[in-house]
Amino acid sequence: MGLLLNHAYTVFPINPILANQGEAVHDQKVYANLKDIPVPIDMVDIFRNSEAAGGVVSKAIAIGAKGVLLQEGVINKEAAMRAQKAGLDVAMD
């Protein structure tokens, strides 16, 4: 996350536990859910296991994100196909 911030990207960390505690990560407000972010989202970077990634992809589709990035080793072909059918760009191993 720090690398993205250092390259002038806007990053919105998502973590329900930290959000409920009012925490910040790299001085960025933490949100409990994607739908809580008050601006349009270009890309959702998914740091979850392959099985859990499907639910995050569904949320990315629901908020109208432009794309999803499943981190190295996170593979969910069904979720990737759903995202592509919904018009999202998909990056996956």
N, C-alpha and C. Protein backbone atom coordinates (compact mmCIF):
# COMPACT_ATOMS: atom_id res chain seq x y z
N MET A 1 0.82 -1.19 0.00
CA MET A 1 0.00 0.00 0.00
C MET A 1 0.87 1.25 0.00
N GLY A 2 1.94 1.21 0.77
CA GLY A 2 2.84 2.35 0.82
C GLY A 2 3.44 2.67 -0.53
N LEU A 3 3.77 1.64 -1.29
CA LEU A 3 4.33 1.84 -2.63
C LEU A 3 3.33 2.56 -3.53
N LEU A 4 2.08 2.15 -3.50
CA LEU A 4 1.05 2.81 -4.31
C LEU A 4 0.89 4.27 -3.90
N LEU A 5 0.86 4.51 -2.61
CA LEU A 5 0.74 5.89 -2.12
C LEU A 5 1.95 6.73 -2.54
N ASN A 6 3.14 6.13 -2.50
CA ASN A 6 4.35 6.84 -2.91
C ASN A 6 4.36 7.19 -4.39
N HIS A 7 3.56 6.48 -5.17
CA HIS A 7 3.45 6.76 -6.60
C HIS A 7 2.17 7.53 -6.93
N ALA A 8 1.66 8.23 -5.95
CA ALA A 8 0.52 9.16 -6.10
C ALA A 8 -0.82 8.49 -6.39
N TYR A 9 -0.95 7.20 -6.06
CA TYR A 9 -2.26 6.56 -6.19
C TYR A 9 -3.07 6.86 -4.93
N THR A 10 -4.36 6.95 -5.08
CA THR A 10 -5.26 7.07 -3.94
C THR A 10 -5.67 5.66 -3.54
N VAL A 11 -5.49 5.33 -2.28
CA VAL A 11 -5.76 3.98 -1.79
C VAL A 11 -6.74 4.07 -0.63
N PHE A 12 -7.73 3.18 -0.65
CA PHE A 12 -8.73 3.10 0.42
C PHE A 12 -8.65 1.71 1.04
N PRO A 13 -8.00 1.58 2.19
CA PRO A 13 -7.93 0.26 2.82
C PRO A 13 -9.30 -0.18 3.35
N ILE A 14 -9.57 -1.47 3.20
CA ILE A 14 -10.83 -2.06 3.67
C ILE A 14 -10.50 -3.10 4.73
N ASN A 15 -11.03 -2.91 5.92
CA ASN A 15 -10.88 -3.88 7.00
C ASN A 15 -11.94 -3.56 8.04
N PRO A 16 -12.99 -4.38 8.12
CA PRO A 16 -14.09 -4.07 9.05
C PRO A 16 -13.66 -3.90 10.50
N ILE A 17 -12.72 -4.71 10.95
CA ILE A 17 -12.29 -4.62 12.35
C ILE A 17 -11.59 -3.30 12.61
N LEU A 18 -10.61 -2.96 11.76
CA LEU A 18 -9.89 -1.70 11.94
C LEU A 18 -10.81 -0.49 11.76
N ALA A 19 -11.73 -0.59 10.81
CA ALA A 19 -12.66 0.53 10.58
C ALA A 19 -13.51 0.78 11.81
N ASN A 20 -13.99 -0.29 12.44
CA ASN A 20 -14.82 -0.14 13.64
C ASN A 20 -14.04 0.41 14.82
N GLN A 21 -12.72 0.28 14.78
CA GLN A 21 -11.87 0.83 15.84
C GLN A 21 -11.38 2.23 15.50
N GLY A 22 -11.77 2.74 14.32
CA GLY A 22 -11.36 4.07 13.92
C GLY A 22 -9.89 4.17 13.54
N GLU A 23 -9.30 3.06 13.15
CA GLU A 23 -7.88 3.01 12.83
C GLU A 23 -7.60 3.58 11.44
N ALA A 24 -6.33 3.91 11.22
CA ALA A 24 -5.84 4.34 9.90
C ALA A 24 -4.68 3.43 9.53
N VAL A 25 -4.46 3.27 8.24
CA VAL A 25 -3.32 2.51 7.72
C VAL A 25 -2.57 3.44 6.78
N HIS A 26 -1.29 3.63 7.03
CA HIS A 26 -0.48 4.59 6.24
C HIS A 26 -1.17 5.96 6.20
N ASP A 27 -1.73 6.35 7.31
CA ASP A 27 -2.44 7.63 7.44
C ASP A 27 -3.69 7.73 6.57
N GLN A 28 -4.21 6.60 6.10
CA GLN A 28 -5.42 6.57 5.28
C GLN A 28 -6.57 6.01 6.11
N LYS A 29 -7.72 6.64 6.03
CA LYS A 29 -8.91 6.14 6.72
C LYS A 29 -9.22 4.73 6.24
N VAL A 30 -9.54 3.85 7.18
CA VAL A 30 -9.90 2.48 6.86
C VAL A 30 -11.43 2.38 6.78
N TYR A 31 -11.91 1.76 5.73
CA TYR A 31 -13.35 1.57 5.54
C TYR A 31 -13.73 0.13 5.86
N ALA A 32 -14.97 -0.05 6.29
CA ALA A 32 -15.45 -1.37 6.65
C ALA A 32 -15.85 -2.19 5.43
N ASN A 33 -16.24 -1.52 4.34
CA ASN A 33 -16.76 -2.21 3.17
C ASN A 33 -16.53 -1.36 1.94
N LEU A 34 -16.41 -1.97 0.79
CA LEU A 34 -16.24 -1.23 -0.46
C LEU A 34 -17.35 -0.20 -0.67
N LYS A 35 -18.57 -0.58 -0.34
CA LYS A 35 -19.71 0.32 -0.58
C LYS A 35 -19.64 1.59 0.27
N ASP A 36 -18.79 1.61 1.30
CA ASP A 36 -18.67 2.78 2.16
C ASP A 36 -17.75 3.86 1.58
N ILE A 37 -17.00 3.53 0.55
CA ILE A 37 -16.07 4.50 -0.04
C ILE A 37 -16.89 5.53 -0.82
N PRO A 38 -16.67 6.82 -0.56
CA PRO A 38 -17.55 7.87 -1.11
C PRO A 38 -17.24 8.32 -2.54
N VAL A 39 -16.31 7.68 -3.20
CA VAL A 39 -15.95 8.07 -4.58
C VAL A 39 -15.91 6.83 -5.46
N PRO A 40 -16.02 7.03 -6.79
CA PRO A 40 -15.92 5.87 -7.70
C PRO A 40 -14.55 5.19 -7.58
N ILE A 41 -14.54 3.88 -7.74
CA ILE A 41 -13.32 3.08 -7.59
C ILE A 41 -12.87 2.57 -8.95
N ASP A 42 -11.59 2.78 -9.25
CA ASP A 42 -11.04 2.28 -10.50
C ASP A 42 -10.69 0.79 -10.39
N MET A 43 -9.96 0.42 -9.35
CA MET A 43 -9.50 -0.96 -9.22
C MET A 43 -9.60 -1.44 -7.78
N VAL A 44 -10.03 -2.68 -7.64
CA VAL A 44 -10.06 -3.32 -6.33
C VAL A 44 -8.94 -4.35 -6.30
N ASP A 45 -7.99 -4.15 -5.42
CA ASP A 45 -6.84 -5.03 -5.25
C ASP A 45 -7.20 -6.04 -4.17
N ILE A 46 -7.28 -7.32 -4.53
CA ILE A 46 -7.82 -8.33 -3.63
C ILE A 46 -6.70 -9.11 -2.94
N PHE A 47 -6.62 -8.93 -1.62
CA PHE A 47 -5.65 -9.64 -0.78
C PHE A 47 -6.41 -10.65 0.08
N ARG A 48 -7.06 -11.58 -0.55
CA ARG A 48 -7.80 -12.64 0.15
C ARG A 48 -7.43 -13.97 -0.49
N ASN A 49 -7.80 -15.07 0.14
CA ASN A 49 -7.51 -16.36 -0.49
C ASN A 49 -8.43 -16.58 -1.69
N SER A 50 -8.11 -17.57 -2.48
CA SER A 50 -8.83 -17.80 -3.74
C SER A 50 -10.33 -17.96 -3.53
N GLU A 51 -10.72 -18.70 -2.51
CA GLU A 51 -12.15 -18.92 -2.24
C GLU A 51 -12.86 -17.63 -1.86
N ALA A 52 -12.26 -16.86 -0.98
CA ALA A 52 -12.87 -15.61 -0.51
C ALA A 52 -12.87 -14.52 -1.57
N ALA A 53 -12.00 -14.64 -2.57
CA ALA A 53 -11.91 -13.62 -3.61
C ALA A 53 -13.22 -13.47 -4.38
N GLY A 54 -13.98 -14.54 -4.51
CA GLY A 54 -15.25 -14.47 -5.24
C GLY A 54 -16.22 -13.47 -4.63
N GLY A 55 -16.31 -13.43 -3.33
CA GLY A 55 -17.19 -12.47 -2.66
C GLY A 55 -16.73 -11.04 -2.86
N VAL A 56 -15.43 -10.83 -2.85
CA VAL A 56 -14.90 -9.48 -3.07
C VAL A 56 -15.17 -9.04 -4.50
N VAL A 57 -15.02 -9.97 -5.44
CA VAL A 57 -15.33 -9.64 -6.84
C VAL A 57 -16.80 -9.24 -6.97
N SER A 58 -17.69 -9.95 -6.31
CA SER A 58 -19.12 -9.59 -6.35
C SER A 58 -19.34 -8.18 -5.84
N LYS A 59 -18.64 -7.80 -4.77
CA LYS A 59 -18.77 -6.45 -4.23
C LYS A 59 -18.19 -5.42 -5.19
N ALA A 60 -17.09 -5.77 -5.85
CA ALA A 60 -16.49 -4.85 -6.83
C ALA A 60 -17.44 -4.60 -7.99
N ILE A 61 -18.10 -5.65 -8.44
CA ILE A 61 -19.10 -5.51 -9.51
C ILE A 61 -20.24 -4.61 -9.03
N ALA A 62 -20.71 -4.85 -7.80
CA ALA A 62 -21.85 -4.11 -7.26
C ALA A 62 -21.58 -2.61 -7.14
N ILE A 63 -20.35 -2.22 -6.85
CA ILE A 63 -20.05 -0.79 -6.70
C ILE A 63 -19.65 -0.14 -8.01
N GLY A 64 -19.55 -0.94 -9.08
CA GLY A 64 -19.19 -0.38 -10.38
C GLY A 64 -17.71 -0.12 -10.57
N ALA A 65 -16.86 -0.89 -9.88
CA ALA A 65 -15.41 -0.75 -10.07
C ALA A 65 -15.07 -1.04 -11.53
N LYS A 66 -13.97 -0.48 -11.99
CA LYS A 66 -13.54 -0.68 -13.38
C LYS A 66 -12.72 -1.95 -13.54
N GLY A 67 -12.12 -2.44 -12.46
CA GLY A 67 -11.30 -3.63 -12.57
C GLY A 67 -10.98 -4.24 -11.23
N VAL A 68 -10.48 -5.48 -11.29
CA VAL A 68 -10.04 -6.18 -10.09
C VAL A 68 -8.66 -6.77 -10.34
N LEU A 69 -7.86 -6.79 -9.31
CA LEU A 69 -6.53 -7.41 -9.33
C LEU A 69 -6.49 -8.44 -8.23
N LEU A 70 -6.38 -9.70 -8.61
CA LEU A 70 -6.23 -10.78 -7.64
C LEU A 70 -4.73 -10.98 -7.46
N GLN A 71 -4.25 -10.84 -6.24
CA GLN A 71 -2.82 -10.92 -5.96
C GLN A 71 -2.23 -12.26 -6.38
N GLU A 72 -0.93 -12.28 -6.52
CA GLU A 72 -0.22 -13.49 -6.95
C GLU A 72 -0.64 -14.70 -6.14
N GLY A 73 -0.99 -15.77 -6.83
CA GLY A 73 -1.42 -17.01 -6.19
C GLY A 73 -2.90 -17.08 -5.89
N VAL A 74 -3.62 -15.98 -6.04
CA VAL A 74 -5.06 -15.96 -5.81
C VAL A 74 -5.74 -16.21 -7.16
N ILE A 75 -6.32 -17.39 -7.30
CA ILE A 75 -6.93 -17.78 -8.57
C ILE A 75 -8.37 -18.22 -8.32
N ASN A 76 -9.30 -17.54 -8.97
CA ASN A 76 -10.71 -17.90 -8.89
C ASN A 76 -11.28 -17.63 -10.28
N LYS A 77 -11.25 -18.65 -11.12
CA LYS A 77 -11.65 -18.49 -12.52
C LYS A 77 -13.11 -18.09 -12.66
N GLU A 78 -13.96 -18.64 -11.81
CA GLU A 78 -15.40 -18.31 -11.88
C GLU A 78 -15.60 -16.82 -11.57
N ALA A 79 -14.94 -16.34 -10.56
CA ALA A 79 -15.06 -14.92 -10.19
C ALA A 79 -14.50 -14.03 -11.30
N ALA A 80 -13.39 -14.44 -11.89
CA ALA A 80 -12.80 -13.67 -12.98
C ALA A 80 -13.75 -13.60 -14.17
N MET A 81 -14.40 -14.71 -14.48
CA MET A 81 -15.36 -14.72 -15.60
C MET A 81 -16.55 -13.81 -15.30
N ARG A 82 -17.04 -13.84 -14.06
CA ARG A 82 -18.16 -12.96 -13.69
C ARG A 82 -17.76 -11.51 -13.83
N ALA A 83 -16.56 -11.17 -13.39
CA ALA A 83 -16.09 -9.79 -13.49
C ALA A 83 -15.97 -9.37 -14.95
N GLN A 84 -15.41 -10.23 -15.79
CA GLN A 84 -15.28 -9.90 -17.21
C GLN A 84 -16.64 -9.73 -17.86
N LYS A 85 -17.58 -10.60 -17.54
CA LYS A 85 -18.93 -10.48 -18.11
C LYS A 85 -19.61 -9.19 -17.66
N ALA A 86 -19.24 -8.70 -16.48
CA ALA A 86 -19.81 -7.45 -15.98
C ALA A 86 -19.07 -6.23 -16.53
N GLY A 87 -18.03 -6.47 -17.33
CA GLY A 87 -17.31 -5.37 -17.96
C GLY A 87 -16.08 -4.87 -17.22
N LEU A 88 -15.67 -5.59 -16.18
CA LEU A 88 -14.47 -5.19 -15.43
C LEU A 88 -13.22 -5.75 -16.09
N ASP A 89 -12.12 -5.02 -16.01
CA ASP A 89 -10.82 -5.55 -16.37
C ASP A 89 -10.40 -6.49 -15.24
N VAL A 90 -9.72 -7.58 -15.60
CA VAL A 90 -9.31 -8.56 -14.59
C VAL A 90 -7.84 -8.88 -14.76
N ALA A 91 -7.09 -8.83 -13.66
CA ALA A 91 -5.70 -9.28 -13.62
C ALA A 91 -5.62 -10.40 -12.60
N MET A 92 -5.18 -11.57 -13.09
CA MET A 92 -5.10 -12.75 -12.22
C MET A 92 -3.97 -13.62 -12.72
N ASP A 93 -3.30 -14.33 -11.80
CA ASP A 93 -2.23 -15.28 -12.18
C ASP A 93 -2.64 -16.12 -13.36
